[in-house]
Amino acid sequence: MTGLRWGILATGGIAHAFTSDLRTAGLDVQAVGSRRPEAAAAFAQQFEIPRAHGSYEQLATDPDIDIVYVATPHPMHAEDALLCLEHGKHVLVEKSFTVNEREAQAVRDAAAARGLLAMEAMWTRYLPHMRRIRELISHGTLGEVRTVFADHTQKITADPAHRLNALELGGGALLDLGIYPVSFVWDILGAPTQISAQARLGETGADTEVATLFTHAAGAVSTSISSSRAAGPNTAHIVGTEARIDIDRVWYTATDFRVTAPDGRVIEEYTSQIEGRGMQYQALEAERIIADARRDSDILPIDETVAIMGTLDEIRRQIGVRYSADSAD
């Protein structure tokens, strides 16, 4: 199957950004669903989408949809993904994939049982500059990678009612922002063998700053900082014995990087040139996977997504942040 028919579940800011990039790439968006019919209608009109559904159930049962992008807040991801899978739809689920590892396992297992694709929408991994970085590392340009650093720090809001600060909505810097550098160090160095985390909690008990220190295989180390109350450089660095990569701000978006030898000689300068924001690359990858009769991503396998949620669970355990969904664990 090629030329998948996309459905968009929810109509918030991230759904707007994603759908705009789908249009940029010429992909087929056939329907949108919202719990508010007027929101679905407005979204459909803005993006010239043929059908607007006034509930998620109507979208999930739409026979003319092949794959659904799940763009609700974190605590609803598992429920909404499972709804779509139950009705035979592939799913691309916004990050963080779920609230915890247990929920991620449930979505993974439901997709496997039905022969469907369940893929995390960690769009950074699919950007062209990240693909080139993985090539350089695999070719040995950096030698042995010893250290990785990344931050995702923004000054967003201190409003206790905002989604980012509301524990009942999976609030906190870690799941919203920290997921980017945590997934990045997983991508470069693999699973951490030791995890250490510190955090500052806000008035609601949600984390506003989180710092991590991981040890990985062969002793490599990584550090990350995430914050929702202060804007930092938002750069990333991969340091090897033969060279290092410095990724410009904002590193998790389409951007440039340099490869520099220990003596300061620039080995390669990469300039990113894409259309739109770049969220279409994950959608194009999902279409390729399904067209090839596969059901998993080589770039971010579903088992890795589940394991990353386990890493986030351990970080939250160490910093003392729990959600209502954790009570079943």
C-alpha atoms as a PDB file:
ATOM      1  CA  MET A   1       0.000   0.000   0.000  1.00  0.00           C
ATOM      2  CA  THR A   2       1.300   3.455  -0.898  1.00  0.00           C
ATOM      3  CA  GLY A   3      -0.212   6.890  -0.606  1.00  0.00           C
ATOM      4  CA  LEU A   4      -1.750   6.398   2.829  1.00  0.00           C
ATOM      5  CA  ARG A   5      -4.863   8.289   3.831  1.00  0.00           C
ATOM      6  CA  TRP A   6      -4.157  10.214   7.040  1.00  0.00           C
ATOM      7  CA  GLY A   7      -6.467  11.108   9.868  1.00  0.00           C
ATOM      8  CA  ILE A   8      -5.584  13.723  12.499  1.00  0.00           C
ATOM      9  CA  LEU A   9      -6.775  13.030  16.042  1.00  0.00           C
ATOM     10  CA  ALA A  10      -7.046  16.306  18.012  1.00  0.00           C
ATOM     11  CA  THR A  11      -6.651  19.877  16.811  1.00  0.00           C
ATOM     12  CA  GLY A  12      -4.069  21.549  19.078  1.00  0.00           C
ATOM     13  CA  GLY A  13      -0.895  23.367  18.145  1.00  0.00           C
ATOM     14  CA  ILE A  14       1.178  20.272  17.399  1.00  0.00           C
ATOM     15  CA  ALA A  15      -1.591  18.910  15.139  1.00  0.00           C
ATOM     16  CA  HIS A  16      -1.532  22.183  13.192  1.00  0.00           C
ATOM     17  CA  ALA A  17       2.259  22.012  12.765  1.00  0.00           C
ATOM     18  CA  PHE A  18       2.188  18.370  11.687  1.00  0.00           C
ATOM     19  CA  THR A  19      -0.681  18.786   9.239  1.00  0.00           C
ATOM     20  CA  SER A  20       0.956  21.828   7.695  1.00  0.00           C
ATOM     21  CA  ASP A  21       4.057  19.734   7.006  1.00  0.00           C
ATOM     22  CA  LEU A  22       1.963  16.874   5.615  1.00  0.00           C
ATOM     23  CA  ARG A  23       0.513  19.358   3.152  1.00  0.00           C
ATOM     24  CA  THR A  24       4.026  20.617   2.328  1.00  0.00           C
ATOM     25  CA  ALA A  25       5.014  17.036   1.467  1.00  0.00           C
ATOM     26  CA  GLY A  26       1.876  16.460  -0.618  1.00  0.00           C
ATOM     27  CA  LEU A  27       0.547  13.699   1.626  1.00  0.00           C
ATOM     28  CA  ASP A  28      -3.133  12.759   1.678  1.00  0.00           C
ATOM     29  CA  VAL A  29      -5.018  14.083   4.730  1.00  0.00           C
ATOM     30  CA  GLN A  30      -8.586  12.842   4.566  1.00  0.00           C
ATOM     31  CA  ALA A  31     -10.129  13.468   7.992  1.00  0.00           C
ATOM     32  CA  VAL A  32      -9.743  15.167  11.360  1.00  0.00           C
ATOM     33  CA  GLY A  33     -11.415  14.300  14.653  1.00  0.00           C
ATOM     34  CA  SER A  34     -12.040  16.382  17.755  1.00  0.00           C
ATOM     35  CA  ARG A  35     -14.231  16.104  20.817  1.00  0.00           C
ATOM     36  CA  ARG A  36     -15.558  19.525  19.791  1.00  0.00           C
ATOM     37  CA  PRO A  37     -17.265  19.396  16.386  1.00  0.00           C
ATOM     38  CA  GLU A  38     -16.657  23.105  15.821  1.00  0.00           C
ATOM     39  CA  ALA A  39     -12.906  22.636  16.350  1.00  0.00           C
ATOM     40  CA  ALA A  40     -12.831  19.765  13.855  1.00  0.00           C
ATOM     41  CA  ALA A  41     -14.765  21.827  11.324  1.00  0.00           C
ATOM     42  CA  ALA A  42     -12.443  24.823  11.669  1.00  0.00           C
ATOM     43  CA  PHE A  43      -9.345  22.621  11.368  1.00  0.00           C
ATOM     44  CA  ALA A  44     -10.756  20.874   8.296  1.00  0.00           C
ATOM     45  CA  GLN A  45     -11.531  24.208   6.668  1.00  0.00           C
ATOM     46  CA  GLN A  46      -8.050  25.590   7.391  1.00  0.00           C
ATOM     47  CA  PHE A  47      -6.266  22.601   5.825  1.00  0.00           C
ATOM     48  CA  GLU A  48      -8.892  21.726   3.177  1.00  0.00           C
ATOM     49  CA  ILE A  49      -9.559  18.309   4.731  1.00  0.00           C
ATOM     50  CA  PRO A  50     -12.620  16.529   3.306  1.00  0.00           C
ATOM     51  CA  ARG A  51     -14.166  15.201   6.526  1.00  0.00           C
ATOM     52  CA  ALA A  52     -14.461  16.609  10.042  1.00  0.00           C
ATOM     53  CA  HIS A  53     -15.553  14.236  12.812  1.00  0.00           C
ATOM     54  CA  GLY A  54     -17.039  15.400  16.093  1.00  0.00           C
ATOM     55  CA  SER A  55     -15.480  12.584  18.128  1.00  0.00           C
ATOM     56  CA  TYR A  56     -12.355  10.445  18.194  1.00  0.00           C
ATOM     57  CA  GLU A  57     -14.514   7.346  17.789  1.00  0.00           C
ATOM     58  CA  GLN A  58     -15.910   8.628  14.507  1.00  0.00           C
ATOM     59  CA  LEU A  59     -12.403   9.250  13.220  1.00  0.00           C
ATOM     60  CA  ALA A  60     -11.201   5.814  14.348  1.00  0.00           C
ATOM     61  CA  THR A  61     -14.073   4.079  12.552  1.00  0.00           C
ATOM     62  CA  ASP A  62     -13.775   6.108   9.345  1.00  0.00           C
ATOM     63  CA  PRO A  63     -13.317   3.434   6.622  1.00  0.00           C
ATOM     64  CA  ASP A  64     -11.400   5.846   4.395  1.00  0.00           C
ATOM     65  CA  ILE A  65      -8.508   6.341   6.839  1.00  0.00           C
ATOM     66  CA  ASP A  66      -5.396   4.139   6.919  1.00  0.00           C
ATOM     67  CA  ILE A  67      -3.240   5.824   9.568  1.00  0.00           C
ATOM     68  CA  VAL A  68      -3.964   8.220  12.429  1.00  0.00           C
ATOM     69  CA  TYR A  69      -1.698  10.827  13.953  1.00  0.00           C
ATOM     70  CA  VAL A  70      -2.494  10.951  17.674  1.00  0.00           C
ATOM     71  CA  ALA A  71      -1.939  14.502  18.942  1.00  0.00           C
ATOM     72  CA  THR A  72      -3.753  14.586  22.291  1.00  0.00           C
ATOM     73  CA  PRO A  73      -1.936  15.324  25.603  1.00  0.00           C
ATOM     74  CA  HIS A  74       0.287  12.544  27.016  1.00  0.00           C
ATOM     75  CA  PRO A  75      -2.266  10.951  29.396  1.00  0.00           C
ATOM     76  CA  MET A  76      -4.656  10.285  26.505  1.00  0.00           C
ATOM     77  CA  HIS A  77      -2.106   8.829  24.070  1.00  0.00           C
ATOM     78  CA  ALA A  78      -2.507   5.197  25.104  1.00  0.00           C
ATOM     79  CA  GLU A  79      -6.308   5.274  25.141  1.00  0.00           C
ATOM     80  CA  ASP A  80      -6.539   7.076  21.805  1.00  0.00           C
ATOM     81  CA  ALA A  81      -3.908   4.901  20.111  1.00  0.00           C
ATOM     82  CA  LEU A  82      -5.598   1.738  21.338  1.00  0.00           C
ATOM     83  CA  LEU A  83      -8.944   3.016  20.006  1.00  0.00           C
ATOM     84  CA  CYS A  84      -7.465   3.506  16.549  1.00  0.00           C
ATOM     85  CA  LEU A  85      -5.615   0.185  16.577  1.00  0.00           C
ATOM     86  CA  GLU A  86      -8.810  -1.600  17.612  1.00  0.00           C
ATOM     87  CA  HIS A  87     -10.414  -0.315  14.419  1.00  0.00           C
ATOM     88  CA  GLY A  88      -7.535  -1.365  12.182  1.00  0.00           C
ATOM     89  CA  LYS A  89      -5.693   1.932  11.867  1.00  0.00           C
ATOM     90  CA  HIS A  90      -1.920   2.339  11.978  1.00  0.00           C
ATOM     91  CA  VAL A  91      -0.865   5.005  14.474  1.00  0.00           C
ATOM     92  CA  LEU A  92       1.840   7.652  14.675  1.00  0.00           C
ATOM     93  CA  VAL A  93       1.703   8.777  18.303  1.00  0.00           C
ATOM     94  CA  GLU A  94       3.039  12.146  19.419  1.00  0.00           C
ATOM     95  CA  LYS A  95       5.871  12.097  21.946  1.00  0.00           C
ATOM     96  CA  SER A  96       6.117  11.291  24.675  1.00  0.00           C
ATOM     97  CA  PHE A  97       4.590   8.062  23.379  1.00  0.00           C
ATOM     98  CA  THR A  98       2.594   7.481  26.564  1.00  0.00           C
ATOM     99  CA  VAL A  99       2.798   8.482  30.230  1.00  0.00           C
ATOM    100  CA  ASN A 100       4.763   5.429  31.339  1.00  0.00           C
ATOM    101  CA  GLU A 101       6.331   2.171  30.185  1.00  0.00           C
ATOM    102  CA  ARG A 102       3.316   0.038  31.077  1.00  0.00           C
ATOM    103  CA  GLU A 103       1.068   2.040  28.763  1.00  0.00           C
ATOM    104  CA  ALA A 104       3.686   1.950  26.006  1.00  0.00           C
ATOM    105  CA  GLN A 105       3.854  -1.839  26.254  1.00  0.00           C
ATOM    106  CA  ALA A 106       0.063  -2.048  25.907  1.00  0.00           C
ATOM    107  CA  VAL A 107       0.092   0.002  22.693  1.00  0.00           C
ATOM    108  CA  ARG A 108       3.051  -1.954  21.280  1.00  0.00           C
ATOM    109  CA  ASP A 109       1.380  -5.292  22.018  1.00  0.00           C
ATOM    110  CA  ALA A 110      -1.981  -4.233  20.577  1.00  0.00           C
ATOM    111  CA  ALA A 111      -0.313  -3.137  17.330  1.00  0.00           C
ATOM    112  CA  ALA A 112       1.669  -6.376  17.078  1.00  0.00           C
ATOM    113  CA  ALA A 113      -1.440  -8.479  17.676  1.00  0.00           C
ATOM    114  CA  ARG A 114      -3.215  -6.742  14.782  1.00  0.00           C
ATOM    115  CA  GLY A 115      -0.264  -6.526  12.409  1.00  0.00           C
ATOM    116  CA  LEU A 116      -0.302  -2.726  12.496  1.00  0.00           C
ATOM    117  CA  LEU A 117       2.347  -0.029  12.792  1.00  0.00           C
ATOM    118  CA  ALA A 118       2.620   1.837  16.093  1.00  0.00           C
ATOM    119  CA  MET A 119       5.364   4.444  15.869  1.00  0.00           C
ATOM    120  CA  GLU A 120       6.449   7.293  18.116  1.00  0.00           C
ATOM    121  CA  ALA A 121       6.373  10.728  16.495  1.00  0.00           C
ATOM    122  CA  MET A 122       9.882  11.647  17.623  1.00  0.00           C
ATOM    123  CA  TRP A 123      10.282  13.766  14.514  1.00  0.00           C
ATOM    124  CA  THR A 124      13.861  14.841  15.301  1.00  0.00           C
ATOM    125  CA  ARG A 125      15.217  11.365  14.551  1.00  0.00           C
ATOM    126  CA  TYR A 126      13.961  11.510  10.978  1.00  0.00           C
ATOM    127  CA  LEU A 127      15.385  14.913  10.065  1.00  0.00           C
ATOM    128  CA  PRO A 128      18.105  14.912   7.373  1.00  0.00           C
ATOM    129  CA  HIS A 129      20.832  16.313   9.644  1.00  0.00           C
ATOM    130  CA  MET A 130      20.244  13.521  12.172  1.00  0.00           C
ATOM    131  CA  ARG A 131      20.477  10.893   9.447  1.00  0.00           C
ATOM    132  CA  ARG A 132      23.816  12.379   8.371  1.00  0.00           C
ATOM    133  CA  ILE A 133      25.077  12.397  11.964  1.00  0.00           C
ATOM    134  CA  ARG A 134      24.315   8.693  12.318  1.00  0.00           C
ATOM    135  CA  GLU A 135      26.175   8.032   9.061  1.00  0.00           C
ATOM    136  CA  LEU A 136      29.261   9.870  10.323  1.00  0.00           C
ATOM    137  CA  ILE A 137      29.250   7.917  13.578  1.00  0.00           C
ATOM    138  CA  SER A 138      28.753   4.570  11.843  1.00  0.00           C
ATOM    139  CA  HIS A 139      31.622   5.364   9.440  1.00  0.00           C
ATOM    140  CA  GLY A 140      33.954   5.961  12.384  1.00  0.00           C
ATOM    141  CA  THR A 141      34.554   9.649  11.683  1.00  0.00           C
ATOM    142  CA  LEU A 142      34.319  10.477  15.390  1.00  0.00           C
ATOM    143  CA  GLY A 143      36.319   7.487  16.575  1.00  0.00           C
ATOM    144  CA  GLU A 144      35.005   6.222  19.910  1.00  0.00           C
ATOM    145  CA  VAL A 145      32.127   8.379  21.131  1.00  0.00           C
ATOM    146  CA  ARG A 146      32.885   9.276  24.731  1.00  0.00           C
ATOM    147  CA  THR A 147      30.385  11.989  25.681  1.00  0.00           C
ATOM    148  CA  VAL A 148      27.040  13.397  24.545  1.00  0.00           C
ATOM    149  CA  PHE A 149      25.396  16.574  25.833  1.00  0.00           C
ATOM    150  CA  ALA A 150      22.044  18.103  24.893  1.00  0.00           C
ATOM    151  CA  ASP A 151      19.610  20.568  26.393  1.00  0.00           C
ATOM    152  CA  HIS A 152      15.994  21.475  25.711  1.00  0.00           C
ATOM    153  CA  THR A 153      15.274  24.608  27.678  1.00  0.00           C
ATOM    154  CA  GLN A 154      12.484  27.079  27.036  1.00  0.00           C
ATOM    155  CA  LYS A 155      10.797  29.829  29.019  1.00  0.00           C
ATOM    156  CA  ILE A 156       7.187  28.791  28.542  1.00  0.00           C
ATOM    157  CA  THR A 157       4.898  29.542  31.469  1.00  0.00           C
ATOM    158  CA  ALA A 158       4.589  29.412  35.257  1.00  0.00           C
ATOM    159  CA  ASP A 159       0.785  29.348  35.076  1.00  0.00           C
ATOM    160  CA  PRO A 160      -0.261  26.440  37.333  1.00  0.00           C
ATOM    161  CA  ALA A 161      -3.312  25.792  35.156  1.00  0.00           C
ATOM    162  CA  HIS A 162      -1.260  25.371  31.980  1.00  0.00           C
ATOM    163  CA  ARG A 163      -0.977  21.829  30.632  1.00  0.00           C
ATOM    164  CA  LEU A 164       2.791  21.863  31.158  1.00  0.00           C
ATOM    165  CA  ASN A 165       2.358  22.382  34.912  1.00  0.00           C
ATOM    166  CA  ALA A 166      -0.700  20.195  35.486  1.00  0.00           C
ATOM    167  CA  LEU A 167       0.110  16.732  36.840  1.00  0.00           C
ATOM    168  CA  GLU A 168      -3.310  15.461  35.763  1.00  0.00           C
ATOM    169  CA  LEU A 169      -2.289  16.239  32.165  1.00  0.00           C
ATOM    170  CA  GLY A 170       1.120  14.622  32.414  1.00  0.00           C
ATOM    171  CA  GLY A 171       2.728  17.996  33.008  1.00  0.00           C
ATOM    172  CA  GLY A 172       6.393  18.599  33.626  1.00  0.00           C
ATOM    173  CA  ALA A 173       9.484  19.501  31.652  1.00  0.00           C
ATOM    174  CA  LEU A 174      10.628  15.888  31.369  1.00  0.00           C
ATOM    175  CA  LEU A 175       7.854  14.356  29.253  1.00  0.00           C
ATOM    176  CA  ASP A 176       7.305  17.483  27.182  1.00  0.00           C
ATOM    177  CA  LEU A 177      10.873  18.733  26.664  1.00  0.00           C
ATOM    178  CA  GLY A 178      13.312  16.295  28.262  1.00  0.00           C
ATOM    179  CA  ILE A 179      12.101  13.468  26.038  1.00  0.00           C
ATOM    180  CA  TYR A 180      14.090  15.069  23.186  1.00  0.00           C
ATOM    181  CA  PRO A 181      17.586  14.905  24.751  1.00  0.00           C
ATOM    182  CA  VAL A 182      16.845  11.575  26.459  1.00  0.00           C
ATOM    183  CA  SER A 183      15.828  10.019  23.137  1.00  0.00           C
ATOM    184  CA  PHE A 184      18.844  11.659  21.490  1.00  0.00           C
ATOM    185  CA  VAL A 185      21.403  10.128  23.855  1.00  0.00           C
ATOM    186  CA  TRP A 186      19.658   6.767  23.447  1.00  0.00           C
ATOM    187  CA  ASP A 187      20.018   7.175  19.680  1.00  0.00           C
ATOM    188  CA  ILE A 188      23.744   7.939  19.863  1.00  0.00           C
ATOM    189  CA  LEU A 189      24.906   5.791  22.807  1.00  0.00           C
ATOM    190  CA  GLY A 190      22.165   3.229  23.346  1.00  0.00           C
ATOM    191  CA  ALA A 191      20.487   2.283  26.604  1.00  0.00           C
ATOM    192  CA  PRO A 192      21.911   3.784  29.789  1.00  0.00           C
ATOM    193  CA  THR A 193      23.420   1.310  32.223  1.00  0.00           C
ATOM    194  CA  GLN A 194      23.212   3.804  35.094  1.00  0.00           C
ATOM    195  CA  ILE A 195      20.728   6.647  35.536  1.00  0.00           C
ATOM    196  CA  SER A 196      21.050   9.625  37.866  1.00  0.00           C
ATOM    197  CA  ALA A 197      18.609  12.534  37.902  1.00  0.00           C
ATOM    198  CA  GLN A 198      17.985  15.733  39.831  1.00  0.00           C
ATOM    199  CA  ALA A 199      15.116  18.178  39.441  1.00  0.00           C
ATOM    200  CA  ARG A 200      13.369  21.269  40.661  1.00  0.00           C
ATOM    201  CA  LEU A 201       9.628  20.914  41.152  1.00  0.00           C
ATOM    202  CA  GLY A 202       7.170  23.744  40.680  1.00  0.00           C
ATOM    203  CA  GLU A 203       4.189  24.825  42.733  1.00  0.00           C
ATOM    204  CA  THR A 204       1.969  22.030  41.384  1.00  0.00           C
ATOM    205  CA  GLY A 205       4.549  19.296  41.933  1.00  0.00           C
ATOM    206  CA  ALA A 206       5.398  19.058  38.240  1.00  0.00           C
ATOM    207  CA  ASP A 207       9.074  19.247  37.303  1.00  0.00           C
ATOM    208  CA  THR A 208      10.268  22.574  35.926  1.00  0.00           C
ATOM    209  CA  GLU A 209      13.962  21.652  35.537  1.00  0.00           C
ATOM    210  CA  VAL A 210      15.497  18.192  35.170  1.00  0.00           C
ATOM    211  CA  ALA A 211      19.177  17.253  34.876  1.00  0.00           C
ATOM    212  CA  THR A 212      20.300  13.751  33.938  1.00  0.00           C
ATOM    213  CA  LEU A 213      23.621  11.937  34.005  1.00  0.00           C
ATOM    214  CA  PHE A 214      23.718   8.555  32.265  1.00  0.00           C
ATOM    215  CA  THR A 215      26.459   5.972  31.922  1.00  0.00           C
ATOM    216  CA  HIS A 216      26.292   3.860  28.751  1.00  0.00           C
ATOM    217  CA  ALA A 217      28.076   0.823  27.341  1.00  0.00           C
ATOM    218  CA  ALA A 218      31.894   0.939  27.407  1.00  0.00           C
ATOM    219  CA  GLY A 219      31.752   3.752  29.944  1.00  0.00           C
ATOM    220  CA  ALA A 220      30.492   6.566  27.699  1.00  0.00           C
ATOM    221  CA  VAL A 221      28.575   9.267  29.562  1.00  0.00           C
ATOM    222  CA  SER A 222      25.790  11.655  28.613  1.00  0.00           C
ATOM    223  CA  THR A 223      24.229  14.672  30.262  1.00  0.00           C
ATOM    224  CA  SER A 224      21.019  16.524  29.558  1.00  0.00           C
ATOM    225  CA  ILE A 225      19.129  19.519  30.895  1.00  0.00           C
ATOM    226  CA  SER A 226      15.476  20.331  30.348  1.00  0.00           C
ATOM    227  CA  SER A 227      13.586  23.358  31.623  1.00  0.00           C
ATOM    228  CA  SER A 228      10.203  24.976  31.078  1.00  0.00           C
ATOM    229  CA  ARG A 229      11.055  28.159  32.997  1.00  0.00           C
ATOM    230  CA  ALA A 230      14.292  29.379  31.390  1.00  0.00           C
ATOM    231  CA  ALA A 231      15.664  29.443  27.842  1.00  0.00           C
ATOM    232  CA  GLY A 232      19.146  28.027  27.304  1.00  0.00           C
ATOM    233  CA  PRO A 233      21.322  27.476  24.223  1.00  0.00           C
ATOM    234  CA  ASN A 234      19.432  24.410  22.928  1.00  0.00           C
ATOM    235  CA  THR A 235      22.550  22.984  21.328  1.00  0.00           C
ATOM    236  CA  ALA A 236      23.937  19.453  21.348  1.00  0.00           C
ATOM    237  CA  HIS A 237      27.432  17.992  21.208  1.00  0.00           C
ATOM    238  CA  ILE A 238      28.794  14.533  20.446  1.00  0.00           C
ATOM    239  CA  VAL A 239      32.431  14.136  21.455  1.00  0.00           C
ATOM    240  CA  GLY A 240      34.599  11.318  20.131  1.00  0.00           C
ATOM    241  CA  THR A 241      38.276  10.463  20.273  1.00  0.00           C
ATOM    242  CA  GLU A 242      38.881  11.550  16.646  1.00  0.00           C
ATOM    243  CA  ALA A 243      36.373  14.388  16.224  1.00  0.00           C
ATOM    244  CA  ARG A 244      33.308  16.040  17.696  1.00  0.00           C
ATOM    245  CA  ILE A 245      29.967  17.166  16.286  1.00  0.00           C
ATOM    246  CA  ASP A 246      28.500  20.503  17.403  1.00  0.00           C
ATOM    247  CA  ILE A 247      24.835  20.856  16.462  1.00  0.00           C
ATOM    248  CA  ASP A 248      23.575  24.434  16.239  1.00  0.00           C
ATOM    249  CA  ARG A 249      20.500  25.722  17.953  1.00  0.00           C
ATOM    250  CA  VAL A 250      17.862  24.584  17.830  1.00  0.00           C
ATOM    251  CA  TRP A 251      19.449  21.144  17.635  1.00  0.00           C
ATOM    252  CA  TYR A 252      16.231  19.083  17.652  1.00  0.00           C
ATOM    253  CA  THR A 253      14.844  20.997  14.648  1.00  0.00           C
ATOM    254  CA  ALA A 254      16.239  21.110  11.120  1.00  0.00           C
ATOM    255  CA  THR A 255      19.551  22.905  11.636  1.00  0.00           C
ATOM    256  CA  ASP A 256      23.270  22.902  10.830  1.00  0.00           C
ATOM    257  CA  PHE A 257      26.259  21.177  12.410  1.00  0.00           C
ATOM    258  CA  ARG A 258      30.039  21.000  12.174  1.00  0.00           C
ATOM    259  CA  VAL A 259      32.458  18.115  12.536  1.00  0.00           C
ATOM    260  CA  THR A 260      35.700  19.311  14.119  1.00  0.00           C
ATOM    261  CA  ALA A 261      38.973  17.429  14.643  1.00  0.00           C
ATOM    262  CA  PRO A 262      40.875  17.696  17.972  1.00  0.00           C
ATOM    263  CA  ASP A 263      43.269  20.206  16.376  1.00  0.00           C
ATOM    264  CA  GLY A 264      40.389  22.505  15.431  1.00  0.00           C
ATOM    265  CA  ARG A 265      40.278  21.585  11.754  1.00  0.00           C
ATOM    266  CA  VAL A 266      36.705  21.527  10.405  1.00  0.00           C
ATOM    267  CA  ILE A 267      36.137  18.182   8.680  1.00  0.00           C
ATOM    268  CA  GLU A 268      32.576  18.811   7.522  1.00  0.00           C
ATOM    269  CA  GLU A 269      30.000  21.579   7.653  1.00  0.00           C
ATOM    270  CA  TYR A 270      26.395  20.487   7.162  1.00  0.00           C
ATOM    271  CA  THR A 271      23.711  22.982   6.179  1.00  0.00           C
ATOM    272  CA  SER A 272      20.082  21.951   6.545  1.00  0.00           C
ATOM    273  CA  GLN A 273      17.774  22.849   3.678  1.00  0.00           C
ATOM    274  CA  ILE A 274      14.215  21.604   3.959  1.00  0.00           C
ATOM    275  CA  GLU A 275      10.690  22.767   3.274  1.00  0.00           C
ATOM    276  CA  GLY A 276       8.446  23.447   6.240  1.00  0.00           C
ATOM    277  CA  ARG A 277       9.308  22.568   9.808  1.00  0.00           C
ATOM    278  CA  GLY A 278      10.388  19.017   9.016  1.00  0.00           C
ATOM    279  CA  MET A 279       7.676  16.966  10.685  1.00  0.00           C
ATOM    280  CA  GLN A 280       6.820  15.378   7.340  1.00  0.00           C
ATOM    281  CA  TYR A 281       9.924  13.163   7.419  1.00  0.00           C
ATOM    282  CA  GLN A 282       8.500  10.922  10.141  1.00  0.00           C
ATOM    283  CA  ALA A 283       5.260  10.611   8.160  1.00  0.00           C
ATOM    284  CA  LEU A 284       7.156   9.726   4.987  1.00  0.00           C
ATOM    285  CA  GLU A 285       9.066   7.078   6.936  1.00  0.00           C
ATOM    286  CA  ALA A 286       5.810   5.617   8.260  1.00  0.00           C
ATOM    287  CA  GLU A 287       4.477   5.421   4.703  1.00  0.00           C
ATOM    288  CA  ARG A 288       7.664   3.667   3.513  1.00  0.00           C
ATOM    289  CA  ILE A 289       7.501   1.137   6.343  1.00  0.00           C
ATOM    290  CA  ILE A 290       3.910   0.215   5.553  1.00  0.00           C
ATOM    291  CA  ALA A 291       4.524   0.154   1.797  1.00  0.00           C
ATOM    292  CA  ASP A 292       7.375  -2.315   2.406  1.00  0.00           C
ATOM    293  CA  ALA A 293       5.044  -4.571   4.437  1.00  0.00           C
ATOM    294  CA  ARG A 294       7.080  -3.892   7.566  1.00  0.00           C
ATOM    295  CA  ARG A 295       5.645  -2.954  10.924  1.00  0.00           C
ATOM    296  CA  ASP A 296       8.540  -1.277  12.721  1.00  0.00           C
ATOM    297  CA  SER A 297      10.964   1.587  12.248  1.00  0.00           C
ATOM    298  CA  ASP A 298      14.685   0.954  11.925  1.00  0.00           C
ATOM    299  CA  ILE A 299      15.354   4.502  13.108  1.00  0.00           C
ATOM    300  CA  LEU A 300      13.229   4.235  16.258  1.00  0.00           C
ATOM    301  CA  PRO A 301      11.991   0.674  16.858  1.00  0.00           C
ATOM    302  CA  ILE A 302       8.899   0.338  19.013  1.00  0.00           C
ATOM    303  CA  ASP A 303      10.833  -1.704  21.599  1.00  0.00           C
ATOM    304  CA  GLU A 304      13.225   1.221  21.976  1.00  0.00           C
ATOM    305  CA  THR A 305      10.308   3.614  22.427  1.00  0.00           C
ATOM    306  CA  VAL A 306       8.997   1.372  25.217  1.00  0.00           C
ATOM    307  CA  ALA A 307      12.433   1.168  26.843  1.00  0.00           C
ATOM    308  CA  ILE A 308      12.850   4.948  26.676  1.00  0.00           C
ATOM    309  CA  MET A 309       9.558   5.298  28.531  1.00  0.00           C
ATOM    310  CA  GLY A 310      11.109   3.006  31.156  1.00  0.00           C
ATOM    311  CA  THR A 311      14.067   5.392  31.413  1.00  0.00           C
ATOM    312  CA  LEU A 312      11.676   8.311  31.895  1.00  0.00           C
ATOM    313  CA  ASP A 313       9.857   6.294  34.573  1.00  0.00           C
ATOM    314  CA  GLU A 314      13.126   5.836  36.461  1.00  0.00           C
ATOM    315  CA  ILE A 315      13.965   9.535  36.177  1.00  0.00           C
ATOM    316  CA  ARG A 316      10.532  10.420  37.542  1.00  0.00           C
ATOM    317  CA  ARG A 317      10.988   7.929  40.364  1.00  0.00           C
ATOM    318  CA  GLN A 318      14.237   9.600  41.345  1.00  0.00           C
ATOM    319  CA  ILE A 319      12.847  13.142  41.223  1.00  0.00           C
ATOM    320  CA  GLY A 320       9.544  12.283  42.911  1.00  0.00           C
ATOM    321  CA  VAL A 321       7.028  12.948  40.132  1.00  0.00           C
ATOM    322  CA  ARG A 322       4.079  10.559  39.832  1.00  0.00           C
ATOM    323  CA  TYR A 323       0.982  10.591  37.684  1.00  0.00           C
ATOM    324  CA  SER A 324      -2.385   8.974  38.321  1.00  0.00           C
ATOM    325  CA  ALA A 325      -1.637   6.430  35.576  1.00  0.00           C
ATOM    326  CA  ASP A 326       1.312   5.180  37.628  1.00  0.00           C
ATOM    327  CA  SER A 327      -1.008   3.856  40.341  1.00  0.00           C
ATOM    328  CA  ALA A 328      -1.594   0.678  38.331  1.00  0.00           C
ATOM    329  CA  ASP A 329       2.136  -0.108  38.270  1.00  0.00           C
END
